[in-house]
N, C-alpha and C. Protein backbone atom coordinates (compact mmCIF):
# COMPACT_ATOMS: atom_id res chain seq x y z
N MET A 1 79.36 -36.42 185.41
CA MET A 1 77.98 -36.19 184.96
C MET A 1 77.31 -35.18 185.90
N ASN A 2 76.82 -34.07 185.35
CA ASN A 2 76.17 -33.07 186.19
C ASN A 2 74.71 -33.45 186.46
N GLU A 3 74.04 -32.61 187.26
CA GLU A 3 72.68 -32.94 187.68
C GLU A 3 71.72 -33.03 186.49
N LEU A 4 71.87 -32.15 185.50
CA LEU A 4 70.98 -32.19 184.34
C LEU A 4 71.13 -33.50 183.57
N GLU A 5 72.36 -33.94 183.40
CA GLU A 5 72.61 -35.20 182.71
C GLU A 5 72.06 -36.38 183.50
N LYS A 6 72.19 -36.31 184.83
CA LYS A 6 71.66 -37.37 185.68
C LYS A 6 70.14 -37.44 185.58
N ILE A 7 69.49 -36.26 185.60
CA ILE A 7 68.03 -36.22 185.46
C ILE A 7 67.63 -36.86 184.14
N ARG A 8 68.30 -36.48 183.07
CA ARG A 8 67.94 -36.98 181.75
C ARG A 8 68.14 -38.48 181.63
N THR A 9 69.30 -38.96 182.06
CA THR A 9 69.63 -40.38 181.84
C THR A 9 68.95 -41.32 182.82
N GLU A 10 68.63 -40.81 184.01
CA GLU A 10 68.09 -41.69 185.05
C GLU A 10 66.56 -41.60 185.19
N LEU A 11 65.93 -40.70 184.44
CA LEU A 11 64.48 -40.56 184.54
C LEU A 11 63.77 -41.86 184.23
N ILE A 12 64.27 -42.61 183.26
CA ILE A 12 63.62 -43.85 182.85
C ILE A 12 63.67 -44.91 183.94
N ASP A 13 64.60 -44.78 184.90
CA ASP A 13 64.71 -45.76 185.98
C ASP A 13 63.58 -45.63 186.99
N GLY A 14 62.92 -44.49 187.01
CA GLY A 14 61.76 -44.32 187.86
C GLY A 14 62.04 -44.08 189.32
N GLU A 15 63.25 -43.64 189.64
CA GLU A 15 63.58 -43.36 191.04
C GLU A 15 63.23 -41.91 191.37
N GLU A 16 62.02 -41.71 191.85
CA GLU A 16 61.52 -40.35 192.07
C GLU A 16 62.37 -39.56 193.05
N ASP A 17 62.72 -40.17 194.18
CA ASP A 17 63.51 -39.44 195.19
C ASP A 17 64.85 -38.99 194.63
N ALA A 18 65.47 -39.85 193.82
CA ALA A 18 66.77 -39.50 193.24
C ALA A 18 66.63 -38.33 192.27
N ILE A 19 65.64 -38.39 191.41
CA ILE A 19 65.44 -37.31 190.42
C ILE A 19 65.14 -36.00 191.12
N LEU A 20 64.25 -36.02 192.10
CA LEU A 20 63.92 -34.79 192.81
C LEU A 20 65.13 -34.26 193.57
N GLY A 21 65.98 -35.17 194.03
CA GLY A 21 67.22 -34.74 194.68
C GLY A 21 68.14 -34.02 193.71
N TYR A 22 68.23 -34.54 192.48
CA TYR A 22 69.04 -33.87 191.46
C TYR A 22 68.47 -32.49 191.12
N VAL A 23 67.13 -32.40 191.08
CA VAL A 23 66.48 -31.11 190.82
C VAL A 23 66.84 -30.11 191.92
N ASP A 24 66.77 -30.56 193.16
CA ASP A 24 67.11 -29.68 194.28
C ASP A 24 68.57 -29.25 194.23
N GLU A 25 69.45 -30.19 193.89
CA GLU A 25 70.87 -29.86 193.80
C GLU A 25 71.13 -28.84 192.70
N ALA A 26 70.46 -29.01 191.57
CA ALA A 26 70.64 -28.05 190.48
C ALA A 26 70.15 -26.67 190.88
N LEU A 27 69.03 -26.62 191.59
CA LEU A 27 68.50 -25.33 192.06
C LEU A 27 69.47 -24.68 193.04
N GLN A 28 70.06 -25.48 193.92
CA GLN A 28 71.02 -24.95 194.88
C GLN A 28 72.26 -24.39 194.18
N GLU A 29 72.57 -24.94 193.01
CA GLU A 29 73.71 -24.46 192.23
C GLU A 29 73.33 -23.31 191.31
N GLN A 30 72.12 -22.78 191.51
CA GLN A 30 71.63 -21.61 190.77
C GLN A 30 71.39 -21.89 189.29
N VAL A 31 71.10 -23.14 188.95
CA VAL A 31 70.73 -23.47 187.57
C VAL A 31 69.33 -22.93 187.32
N ASP A 32 69.14 -22.27 186.19
CA ASP A 32 67.84 -21.71 185.83
C ASP A 32 66.79 -22.83 185.81
N PRO A 33 65.65 -22.66 186.51
CA PRO A 33 64.61 -23.70 186.50
C PRO A 33 64.17 -24.09 185.10
N ALA A 34 64.13 -23.12 184.17
CA ALA A 34 63.73 -23.43 182.80
C ALA A 34 64.75 -24.35 182.13
N VAL A 35 66.02 -24.19 182.48
CA VAL A 35 67.07 -25.06 181.94
C VAL A 35 66.93 -26.47 182.51
N ILE A 36 66.61 -26.56 183.80
CA ILE A 36 66.39 -27.87 184.42
C ILE A 36 65.25 -28.59 183.72
N LEU A 37 64.18 -27.85 183.45
CA LEU A 37 63.03 -28.44 182.77
C LEU A 37 63.37 -28.88 181.36
N GLU A 38 64.01 -27.99 180.60
CA GLU A 38 64.25 -28.28 179.18
C GLU A 38 65.35 -29.30 178.98
N GLN A 39 66.50 -29.09 179.62
CA GLN A 39 67.66 -29.94 179.36
C GLN A 39 67.69 -31.21 180.21
N GLY A 40 66.95 -31.20 181.31
CA GLY A 40 66.91 -32.38 182.16
C GLY A 40 65.64 -33.19 181.98
N LEU A 41 64.52 -32.64 182.44
CA LEU A 41 63.26 -33.38 182.47
C LEU A 41 62.67 -33.61 181.08
N LEU A 42 62.54 -32.54 180.29
CA LEU A 42 61.98 -32.70 178.95
C LEU A 42 62.86 -33.59 178.08
N ALA A 43 64.17 -33.40 178.18
CA ALA A 43 65.09 -34.23 177.41
C ALA A 43 64.95 -35.69 177.80
N GLY A 44 64.81 -35.94 179.12
CA GLY A 44 64.64 -37.31 179.59
C GLY A 44 63.34 -37.93 179.10
N MET A 45 62.25 -37.15 179.14
CA MET A 45 60.97 -37.67 178.65
C MET A 45 61.01 -37.91 177.15
N ASN A 46 61.72 -37.07 176.41
CA ASN A 46 61.86 -37.30 174.98
C ASN A 46 62.64 -38.59 174.72
N ASP A 47 63.66 -38.85 175.54
CA ASP A 47 64.42 -40.10 175.40
C ASP A 47 63.53 -41.31 175.66
N ILE A 48 62.69 -41.20 176.69
CA ILE A 48 61.77 -42.30 177.00
C ILE A 48 60.80 -42.51 175.84
N ALA A 49 60.29 -41.42 175.28
CA ALA A 49 59.37 -41.53 174.14
C ALA A 49 60.04 -42.19 172.95
N ASP A 50 61.30 -41.83 172.70
CA ASP A 50 62.03 -42.45 171.58
C ASP A 50 62.21 -43.95 171.82
N LYS A 51 62.53 -44.31 173.06
CA LYS A 51 62.72 -45.73 173.37
C LYS A 51 61.40 -46.49 173.28
N TRP A 52 60.32 -45.83 173.68
CA TRP A 52 59.00 -46.46 173.57
C TRP A 52 58.66 -46.71 172.09
N ALA A 53 58.93 -45.72 171.26
CA ALA A 53 58.65 -45.87 169.83
C ALA A 53 59.49 -46.98 169.21
N ALA A 54 60.69 -47.19 169.76
CA ALA A 54 61.58 -48.22 169.23
C ALA A 54 61.36 -49.58 169.88
N GLY A 55 60.39 -49.67 170.79
CA GLY A 55 60.11 -50.93 171.47
C GLY A 55 61.10 -51.25 172.58
N GLU A 56 61.86 -50.23 173.04
CA GLU A 56 62.85 -50.44 174.08
C GLU A 56 62.36 -49.99 175.45
N ALA A 57 61.19 -49.40 175.51
CA ALA A 57 60.56 -49.00 176.76
C ALA A 57 59.06 -49.26 176.62
N PHE A 58 58.36 -49.31 177.75
CA PHE A 58 56.96 -49.68 177.71
C PHE A 58 56.12 -48.70 178.53
N ILE A 59 54.80 -48.87 178.47
CA ILE A 59 53.89 -47.92 179.10
C ILE A 59 54.23 -47.63 180.56
N PRO A 60 54.58 -48.65 181.38
CA PRO A 60 54.91 -48.33 182.79
C PRO A 60 56.04 -47.31 182.91
N GLU A 61 57.09 -47.44 182.08
CA GLU A 61 58.19 -46.48 182.14
C GLU A 61 57.72 -45.08 181.76
N VAL A 62 56.84 -45.02 180.77
CA VAL A 62 56.32 -43.72 180.34
C VAL A 62 55.50 -43.08 181.45
N LEU A 63 54.62 -43.86 182.06
CA LEU A 63 53.76 -43.33 183.11
C LEU A 63 54.55 -42.92 184.35
N ILE A 64 55.54 -43.74 184.71
CA ILE A 64 56.36 -43.41 185.89
C ILE A 64 57.17 -42.14 185.62
N GLY A 65 57.74 -42.04 184.41
CA GLY A 65 58.48 -40.84 184.05
C GLY A 65 57.60 -39.60 184.11
N ALA A 66 56.38 -39.72 183.62
CA ALA A 66 55.45 -38.59 183.63
C ALA A 66 55.08 -38.20 185.06
N ARG A 67 54.91 -39.21 185.93
CA ARG A 67 54.58 -38.93 187.33
C ARG A 67 55.72 -38.16 188.02
N ILE A 68 56.94 -38.61 187.77
CA ILE A 68 58.10 -37.93 188.36
C ILE A 68 58.22 -36.51 187.83
N MET A 69 57.94 -36.37 186.53
CA MET A 69 58.03 -35.04 185.93
C MET A 69 57.01 -34.10 186.56
N ASN A 70 55.80 -34.60 186.80
CA ASN A 70 54.78 -33.76 187.45
C ASN A 70 55.23 -33.34 188.84
N ALA A 71 55.86 -34.27 189.58
CA ALA A 71 56.34 -33.95 190.92
C ALA A 71 57.42 -32.88 190.85
N ALA A 72 58.31 -33.00 189.87
CA ALA A 72 59.38 -32.01 189.72
C ALA A 72 58.81 -30.65 189.30
N MET A 73 57.77 -30.68 188.47
CA MET A 73 57.15 -29.43 188.01
C MET A 73 56.55 -28.65 189.19
N GLU A 74 56.07 -29.37 190.21
CA GLU A 74 55.51 -28.68 191.36
C GLU A 74 56.57 -27.84 192.07
N ARG A 75 57.83 -28.27 191.97
CA ARG A 75 58.92 -27.51 192.58
C ARG A 75 59.38 -26.38 191.67
N LEU A 76 59.35 -26.65 190.37
CA LEU A 76 59.91 -25.68 189.43
C LEU A 76 58.94 -24.56 189.06
N GLU A 77 57.67 -24.89 188.97
CA GLU A 77 56.70 -23.91 188.45
C GLU A 77 56.67 -22.62 189.25
N PRO A 78 56.64 -22.66 190.59
CA PRO A 78 56.61 -21.39 191.32
C PRO A 78 57.82 -20.51 191.05
N LEU A 79 58.93 -21.12 190.66
CA LEU A 79 60.15 -20.37 190.39
C LEU A 79 60.19 -19.85 188.96
N MET A 80 59.36 -20.45 188.08
CA MET A 80 59.41 -20.11 186.66
C MET A 80 58.36 -19.11 186.25
N VAL A 81 57.20 -19.17 186.86
CA VAL A 81 56.08 -18.34 186.41
C VAL A 81 56.28 -16.91 186.87
N SER A 82 56.37 -16.03 185.93
CA SER A 82 56.57 -14.61 186.22
C SER A 82 55.24 -13.89 186.32
N GLU A 83 55.16 -12.98 187.26
CA GLU A 83 53.95 -12.17 187.38
C GLU A 83 53.95 -11.04 186.37
N ASP A 84 55.11 -10.78 185.79
CA ASP A 84 55.20 -9.72 184.79
C ASP A 84 54.64 -10.22 183.46
N ARG A 85 54.02 -9.37 182.75
CA ARG A 85 53.46 -9.72 181.45
C ARG A 85 54.15 -8.89 180.37
N LYS A 86 54.54 -9.54 179.30
CA LYS A 86 55.13 -8.80 178.19
C LYS A 86 54.06 -7.88 177.60
N GLU A 87 54.49 -6.69 177.21
CA GLU A 87 53.53 -5.74 176.68
C GLU A 87 52.81 -6.29 175.45
N GLU A 88 53.53 -7.01 174.61
CA GLU A 88 52.93 -7.51 173.38
C GLU A 88 52.82 -9.03 173.39
N SER A 89 52.75 -9.64 174.57
CA SER A 89 52.67 -11.10 174.64
C SER A 89 51.32 -11.57 174.13
N PRO A 90 51.29 -12.70 173.44
CA PRO A 90 50.02 -13.21 172.92
C PRO A 90 49.15 -13.74 174.04
N ARG A 91 47.90 -13.53 173.89
CA ARG A 91 46.95 -14.14 174.82
C ARG A 91 46.59 -15.51 174.26
N VAL A 92 46.66 -16.53 175.10
CA VAL A 92 46.52 -17.92 174.66
C VAL A 92 45.40 -18.62 175.41
N VAL A 93 44.56 -19.32 174.68
CA VAL A 93 43.59 -20.24 175.26
C VAL A 93 44.04 -21.64 174.90
N PHE A 94 44.08 -22.55 175.90
CA PHE A 94 44.65 -23.88 175.68
C PHE A 94 43.70 -24.94 176.24
N GLY A 95 43.59 -26.05 175.53
CA GLY A 95 42.78 -27.16 176.03
C GLY A 95 43.05 -28.44 175.27
N THR A 96 42.72 -29.56 175.90
CA THR A 96 42.78 -30.87 175.25
C THR A 96 41.41 -31.14 174.65
N VAL A 97 41.36 -31.66 173.43
CA VAL A 97 40.11 -31.78 172.69
C VAL A 97 39.14 -32.77 173.33
N GLN A 98 37.90 -32.68 172.91
CA GLN A 98 36.83 -33.49 173.49
C GLN A 98 37.13 -34.99 173.39
N GLY A 99 36.89 -35.69 174.48
CA GLY A 99 37.10 -37.13 174.52
C GLY A 99 38.46 -37.54 175.01
N ASP A 100 39.38 -36.59 175.13
CA ASP A 100 40.76 -36.89 175.54
C ASP A 100 41.01 -36.30 176.93
N LEU A 101 41.46 -37.15 177.85
CA LEU A 101 41.68 -36.72 179.23
C LEU A 101 43.14 -36.53 179.58
N HIS A 102 44.02 -36.59 178.58
CA HIS A 102 45.45 -36.44 178.84
C HIS A 102 45.83 -34.97 178.94
N ASP A 103 46.70 -34.66 179.91
CA ASP A 103 47.03 -33.26 180.11
C ASP A 103 48.51 -32.98 180.34
N ILE A 104 49.36 -34.00 180.30
CA ILE A 104 50.77 -33.77 180.60
C ILE A 104 51.39 -32.83 179.57
N GLY A 105 51.19 -33.11 178.28
CA GLY A 105 51.75 -32.25 177.24
C GLY A 105 51.19 -30.84 177.31
N LYS A 106 49.88 -30.74 177.51
CA LYS A 106 49.24 -29.43 177.63
C LYS A 106 49.82 -28.65 178.80
N ASN A 107 49.96 -29.31 179.92
CA ASN A 107 50.46 -28.63 181.11
C ASN A 107 51.90 -28.15 180.94
N LEU A 108 52.71 -28.94 180.25
CA LEU A 108 54.08 -28.53 179.99
C LEU A 108 54.12 -27.30 179.09
N CYS A 109 53.28 -27.30 178.07
CA CYS A 109 53.22 -26.14 177.18
C CYS A 109 52.83 -24.90 177.96
N ILE A 110 51.80 -25.03 178.79
CA ILE A 110 51.33 -23.88 179.56
C ILE A 110 52.39 -23.39 180.53
N LEU A 111 53.08 -24.32 181.16
CA LEU A 111 54.14 -23.95 182.10
C LEU A 111 55.22 -23.13 181.40
N LEU A 112 55.66 -23.60 180.23
CA LEU A 112 56.72 -22.89 179.52
C LEU A 112 56.25 -21.53 179.02
N LEU A 113 55.01 -21.44 178.56
CA LEU A 113 54.49 -20.15 178.10
C LEU A 113 54.38 -19.17 179.26
N ARG A 114 53.84 -19.63 180.37
CA ARG A 114 53.70 -18.74 181.53
C ARG A 114 55.05 -18.33 182.09
N SER A 115 56.04 -19.21 181.96
CA SER A 115 57.38 -18.86 182.46
C SER A 115 57.98 -17.70 181.68
N GLN A 116 57.44 -17.45 180.46
CA GLN A 116 57.89 -16.32 179.66
C GLN A 116 56.99 -15.10 179.85
N GLY A 117 56.09 -15.18 180.81
CA GLY A 117 55.21 -14.05 181.06
C GLY A 117 54.02 -13.98 180.12
N ILE A 118 53.73 -15.06 179.43
CA ILE A 118 52.61 -15.10 178.49
C ILE A 118 51.36 -15.58 179.23
N PRO A 119 50.31 -14.77 179.28
CA PRO A 119 49.09 -15.19 179.98
C PRO A 119 48.35 -16.27 179.20
N VAL A 120 48.01 -17.36 179.90
CA VAL A 120 47.34 -18.50 179.28
C VAL A 120 46.09 -18.85 180.08
N LEU A 121 44.99 -19.05 179.39
CA LEU A 121 43.77 -19.57 180.00
C LEU A 121 43.72 -21.07 179.73
N ASP A 122 43.73 -21.87 180.78
CA ASP A 122 43.72 -23.33 180.66
C ASP A 122 42.29 -23.83 180.78
N LEU A 123 41.75 -24.37 179.69
CA LEU A 123 40.38 -24.90 179.70
C LEU A 123 40.32 -26.33 180.21
N GLY A 124 41.50 -26.95 180.40
CA GLY A 124 41.52 -28.31 180.91
C GLY A 124 41.45 -29.35 179.83
N VAL A 125 40.85 -30.50 180.16
CA VAL A 125 40.77 -31.62 179.23
C VAL A 125 39.32 -31.86 178.80
N ASP A 126 39.16 -32.68 177.77
CA ASP A 126 37.82 -33.06 177.29
C ASP A 126 36.99 -31.81 176.96
N VAL A 127 37.62 -30.88 176.24
CA VAL A 127 36.98 -29.59 175.94
C VAL A 127 36.16 -29.70 174.66
N THR A 128 34.91 -29.35 174.72
CA THR A 128 34.04 -29.42 173.55
C THR A 128 34.33 -28.28 172.57
N PRO A 129 33.99 -28.45 171.30
CA PRO A 129 34.14 -27.34 170.35
C PRO A 129 33.40 -26.09 170.81
N GLU A 130 32.24 -26.29 171.41
CA GLU A 130 31.45 -25.15 171.88
C GLU A 130 32.17 -24.39 172.98
N ALA A 131 32.87 -25.12 173.86
CA ALA A 131 33.60 -24.46 174.94
C ALA A 131 34.79 -23.68 174.40
N PHE A 132 35.47 -24.23 173.40
CA PHE A 132 36.56 -23.49 172.76
C PHE A 132 36.03 -22.21 172.13
N VAL A 133 34.92 -22.32 171.41
CA VAL A 133 34.33 -21.16 170.75
C VAL A 133 33.94 -20.09 171.76
N GLU A 134 33.33 -20.50 172.86
CA GLU A 134 32.92 -19.56 173.88
C GLU A 134 34.12 -18.83 174.49
N ALA A 135 35.23 -19.56 174.68
CA ALA A 135 36.43 -18.95 175.25
C ALA A 135 37.03 -17.93 174.28
N VAL A 136 37.03 -18.26 172.99
CA VAL A 136 37.54 -17.33 171.99
C VAL A 136 36.66 -16.08 171.93
N LYS A 137 35.36 -16.30 171.99
CA LYS A 137 34.42 -15.18 171.93
C LYS A 137 34.58 -14.26 173.14
N ARG A 138 34.80 -14.86 174.30
CA ARG A 138 34.85 -14.08 175.54
C ARG A 138 36.21 -13.41 175.77
N HIS A 139 37.30 -14.12 175.43
CA HIS A 139 38.62 -13.63 175.81
C HIS A 139 39.43 -13.05 174.65
N HIS A 140 38.99 -13.24 173.42
CA HIS A 140 39.66 -12.68 172.24
C HIS A 140 41.16 -12.99 172.23
N PRO A 141 41.55 -14.28 172.36
CA PRO A 141 42.98 -14.61 172.37
C PRO A 141 43.61 -14.45 171.00
N GLU A 142 44.92 -14.32 171.00
CA GLU A 142 45.63 -14.33 169.73
C GLU A 142 45.82 -15.75 169.23
N TYR A 143 46.00 -16.68 170.17
CA TYR A 143 46.20 -18.08 169.82
C TYR A 143 45.20 -18.97 170.54
N LEU A 144 44.65 -19.94 169.82
CA LEU A 144 43.90 -21.04 170.41
C LEU A 144 44.74 -22.30 170.20
N CYS A 145 45.20 -22.89 171.29
CA CYS A 145 46.05 -24.08 171.21
C CYS A 145 45.26 -25.30 171.66
N MET A 146 45.31 -26.36 170.85
CA MET A 146 44.60 -27.59 171.16
C MET A 146 45.57 -28.76 171.07
N SER A 147 45.36 -29.74 171.98
CA SER A 147 46.22 -30.92 171.98
C SER A 147 45.38 -32.18 172.04
N SER A 148 46.01 -33.30 171.62
CA SER A 148 45.37 -34.61 171.68
C SER A 148 46.46 -35.67 171.75
N LEU A 149 46.19 -36.73 172.51
CA LEU A 149 47.13 -37.84 172.58
C LEU A 149 46.58 -39.07 171.88
N LEU A 150 45.28 -39.10 171.64
CA LEU A 150 44.63 -40.27 171.07
C LEU A 150 44.18 -40.01 169.63
N THR A 151 44.46 -40.96 168.75
CA THR A 151 44.01 -40.81 167.36
C THR A 151 42.49 -40.78 167.29
N THR A 152 41.82 -41.43 168.23
CA THR A 152 40.36 -41.48 168.21
C THR A 152 39.71 -40.16 168.56
N THR A 153 40.48 -39.20 169.09
CA THR A 153 39.90 -37.90 169.45
C THR A 153 40.35 -36.78 168.51
N MET A 154 41.13 -37.13 167.50
CA MET A 154 41.69 -36.09 166.62
C MET A 154 40.62 -35.35 165.82
N ASP A 155 39.44 -35.95 165.67
CA ASP A 155 38.38 -35.23 164.96
C ASP A 155 37.94 -33.99 165.72
N GLY A 156 38.30 -33.92 167.01
CA GLY A 156 37.95 -32.74 167.80
C GLY A 156 38.60 -31.48 167.27
N PHE A 157 39.77 -31.60 166.65
CA PHE A 157 40.43 -30.43 166.05
C PHE A 157 39.56 -29.85 164.93
N ALA A 158 39.18 -30.71 163.98
CA ALA A 158 38.41 -30.25 162.82
C ALA A 158 37.05 -29.73 163.24
N ARG A 159 36.42 -30.40 164.21
CA ARG A 159 35.09 -29.96 164.65
C ARG A 159 35.16 -28.60 165.33
N THR A 160 36.26 -28.35 166.04
CA THR A 160 36.42 -27.04 166.68
C THR A 160 36.65 -25.96 165.63
N LEU A 161 37.47 -26.25 164.65
CA LEU A 161 37.71 -25.27 163.58
C LEU A 161 36.41 -24.96 162.85
N GLU A 162 35.60 -25.97 162.60
CA GLU A 162 34.32 -25.75 161.92
C GLU A 162 33.39 -24.92 162.80
N ALA A 163 33.41 -25.18 164.09
CA ALA A 163 32.57 -24.40 165.02
C ALA A 163 33.01 -22.94 165.03
N LEU A 164 34.31 -22.70 164.96
CA LEU A 164 34.80 -21.33 164.90
C LEU A 164 34.33 -20.64 163.62
N ARG A 165 34.34 -21.37 162.51
CA ARG A 165 33.88 -20.78 161.23
C ARG A 165 32.41 -20.42 161.31
N LYS A 166 31.61 -21.35 161.85
CA LYS A 166 30.18 -21.10 161.94
C LYS A 166 29.86 -19.91 162.84
N ALA A 167 30.71 -19.69 163.85
CA ALA A 167 30.51 -18.57 164.77
C ALA A 167 31.10 -17.27 164.24
N GLY A 168 31.73 -17.33 163.06
CA GLY A 168 32.34 -16.14 162.48
C GLY A 168 33.60 -15.70 163.18
N LEU A 169 34.27 -16.65 163.86
CA LEU A 169 35.45 -16.30 164.66
C LEU A 169 36.76 -16.86 164.11
N ARG A 170 36.69 -17.63 163.04
CA ARG A 170 37.89 -18.32 162.59
C ARG A 170 39.02 -17.35 162.24
N ASP A 171 38.69 -16.25 161.63
CA ASP A 171 39.73 -15.31 161.21
C ASP A 171 40.23 -14.42 162.34
N THR A 172 39.66 -14.57 163.53
CA THR A 172 40.06 -13.71 164.65
C THR A 172 41.14 -14.33 165.51
N VAL A 173 41.49 -15.59 165.29
CA VAL A 173 42.42 -16.29 166.16
C VAL A 173 43.29 -17.25 165.36
N LYS A 174 44.55 -17.38 165.76
CA LYS A 174 45.44 -18.35 165.15
C LYS A 174 45.31 -19.67 165.90
N VAL A 175 45.11 -20.75 165.16
CA VAL A 175 44.88 -22.05 165.78
C VAL A 175 46.14 -22.90 165.69
N ALA A 176 46.62 -23.35 166.86
CA ALA A 176 47.80 -24.21 166.91
C ALA A 176 47.38 -25.59 167.42
N VAL A 177 47.91 -26.64 166.80
CA VAL A 177 47.56 -28.00 167.20
C VAL A 177 48.84 -28.80 167.45
N GLY A 178 48.72 -29.80 168.33
CA GLY A 178 49.87 -30.64 168.61
C GLY A 178 49.46 -31.85 169.43
N GLY A 179 50.43 -32.72 169.68
CA GLY A 179 50.18 -33.96 170.40
C GLY A 179 50.82 -35.12 169.65
N ALA A 180 50.93 -36.24 170.32
CA ALA A 180 51.66 -37.38 169.78
C ALA A 180 51.20 -37.83 168.39
N PRO A 181 49.88 -37.93 168.12
CA PRO A 181 49.47 -38.42 166.80
C PRO A 181 49.39 -37.35 165.72
N VAL A 182 49.63 -36.10 166.09
CA VAL A 182 49.46 -34.99 165.15
C VAL A 182 50.73 -34.79 164.33
N THR A 183 50.55 -34.54 163.05
CA THR A 183 51.67 -34.30 162.14
C THR A 183 51.48 -32.96 161.44
N PRO A 184 52.54 -32.42 160.84
CA PRO A 184 52.37 -31.19 160.07
C PRO A 184 51.36 -31.36 158.94
N GLU A 185 51.36 -32.53 158.34
CA GLU A 185 50.42 -32.80 157.23
C GLU A 185 48.98 -32.77 157.71
N PHE A 186 48.75 -33.37 158.88
CA PHE A 186 47.39 -33.37 159.44
C PHE A 186 46.96 -31.95 159.76
N ALA A 187 47.86 -31.19 160.38
CA ALA A 187 47.53 -29.81 160.72
C ALA A 187 47.14 -29.01 159.48
N ALA A 188 47.90 -29.20 158.41
CA ALA A 188 47.59 -28.49 157.17
C ALA A 188 46.25 -28.94 156.58
N SER A 189 45.96 -30.24 156.71
CA SER A 189 44.75 -30.78 156.10
C SER A 189 43.48 -30.24 156.76
N ILE A 190 43.54 -29.87 158.02
CA ILE A 190 42.34 -29.35 158.69
C ILE A 190 42.31 -27.82 158.71
N GLY A 191 43.36 -27.21 158.17
CA GLY A 191 43.39 -25.76 158.10
C GLY A 191 43.89 -25.06 159.33
N ALA A 192 44.66 -25.77 160.17
CA ALA A 192 45.26 -25.12 161.35
C ALA A 192 46.35 -24.15 160.89
N ASP A 193 46.64 -23.16 161.71
CA ASP A 193 47.66 -22.17 161.37
C ASP A 193 49.05 -22.59 161.79
N LEU A 194 49.13 -23.47 162.78
CA LEU A 194 50.43 -23.76 163.37
C LEU A 194 50.47 -25.18 163.92
N TYR A 195 51.58 -25.86 163.68
CA TYR A 195 51.86 -27.16 164.30
C TYR A 195 53.23 -27.07 164.97
N THR A 196 53.32 -27.57 166.20
CA THR A 196 54.63 -27.67 166.85
C THR A 196 54.77 -29.07 167.42
N ALA A 197 56.00 -29.57 167.43
CA ALA A 197 56.24 -30.95 167.83
C ALA A 197 56.22 -31.15 169.34
N ASP A 198 56.56 -30.10 170.09
CA ASP A 198 56.61 -30.26 171.55
C ASP A 198 56.47 -28.91 172.24
N ALA A 199 56.50 -28.96 173.59
CA ALA A 199 56.29 -27.75 174.38
C ALA A 199 57.36 -26.72 174.17
N VAL A 200 58.60 -27.17 174.02
CA VAL A 200 59.70 -26.25 173.84
C VAL A 200 59.55 -25.47 172.54
N GLU A 201 59.22 -26.17 171.46
CA GLU A 201 59.03 -25.51 170.17
C GLU A 201 57.89 -24.51 170.22
N LEU A 202 56.79 -24.88 170.86
CA LEU A 202 55.65 -23.98 170.95
C LEU A 202 56.02 -22.72 171.72
N SER A 203 56.72 -22.88 172.83
CA SER A 203 57.09 -21.72 173.62
C SER A 203 58.02 -20.78 172.86
N ARG A 204 58.86 -21.36 172.01
CA ARG A 204 59.76 -20.52 171.22
C ARG A 204 59.01 -19.78 170.13
N VAL A 205 58.05 -20.45 169.51
CA VAL A 205 57.28 -19.82 168.43
C VAL A 205 56.39 -18.69 168.98
N LEU A 206 55.70 -18.96 170.08
CA LEU A 206 54.80 -17.96 170.65
C LEU A 206 55.53 -16.91 171.47
N GLY A 207 56.75 -17.26 171.95
CA GLY A 207 57.49 -16.31 172.76
C GLY A 207 58.17 -15.26 171.92
């Protein structure tokens, strides 16, 4: 079993020192940091999410896995983020919708986009429709990406789209939505331009 497989299979055990050790070993073996993230850490978190959905894992495992992933990202991000910018790379504004304070998914998306040289403005969490509109007005991005983890905050997507329409900006930007409770059907129902299931898919679509 190589380091990537160990990261993926052992992430659910919550042994932070062991996982970070595998990350360091993979880096020493010249494994691409993006591969470590995608095939090791992201794959492991997806496995944990699947087990949680099946009732085979619980919130503590999810939270511990996310904590370890954040610690690993601190090591990987400086190696992944390129200072070079693609000539035709999309400009992206990203934020978690109003009322939602979760940022793990958003941060992963931003990390992967920046690793491809795509400039991203991170508005953070609990972003109001007005703040999204102001960012679009000021920065003229090609994409506005919004995320949510809570079903109770999903109305923030529609309210932001409506705010963009009222400001006359809806046709100037492509709106992408995602997060655990979001589905392709929901995205279509509110008039979003794009839905992606996870950070890897988003980075591939925008890259």
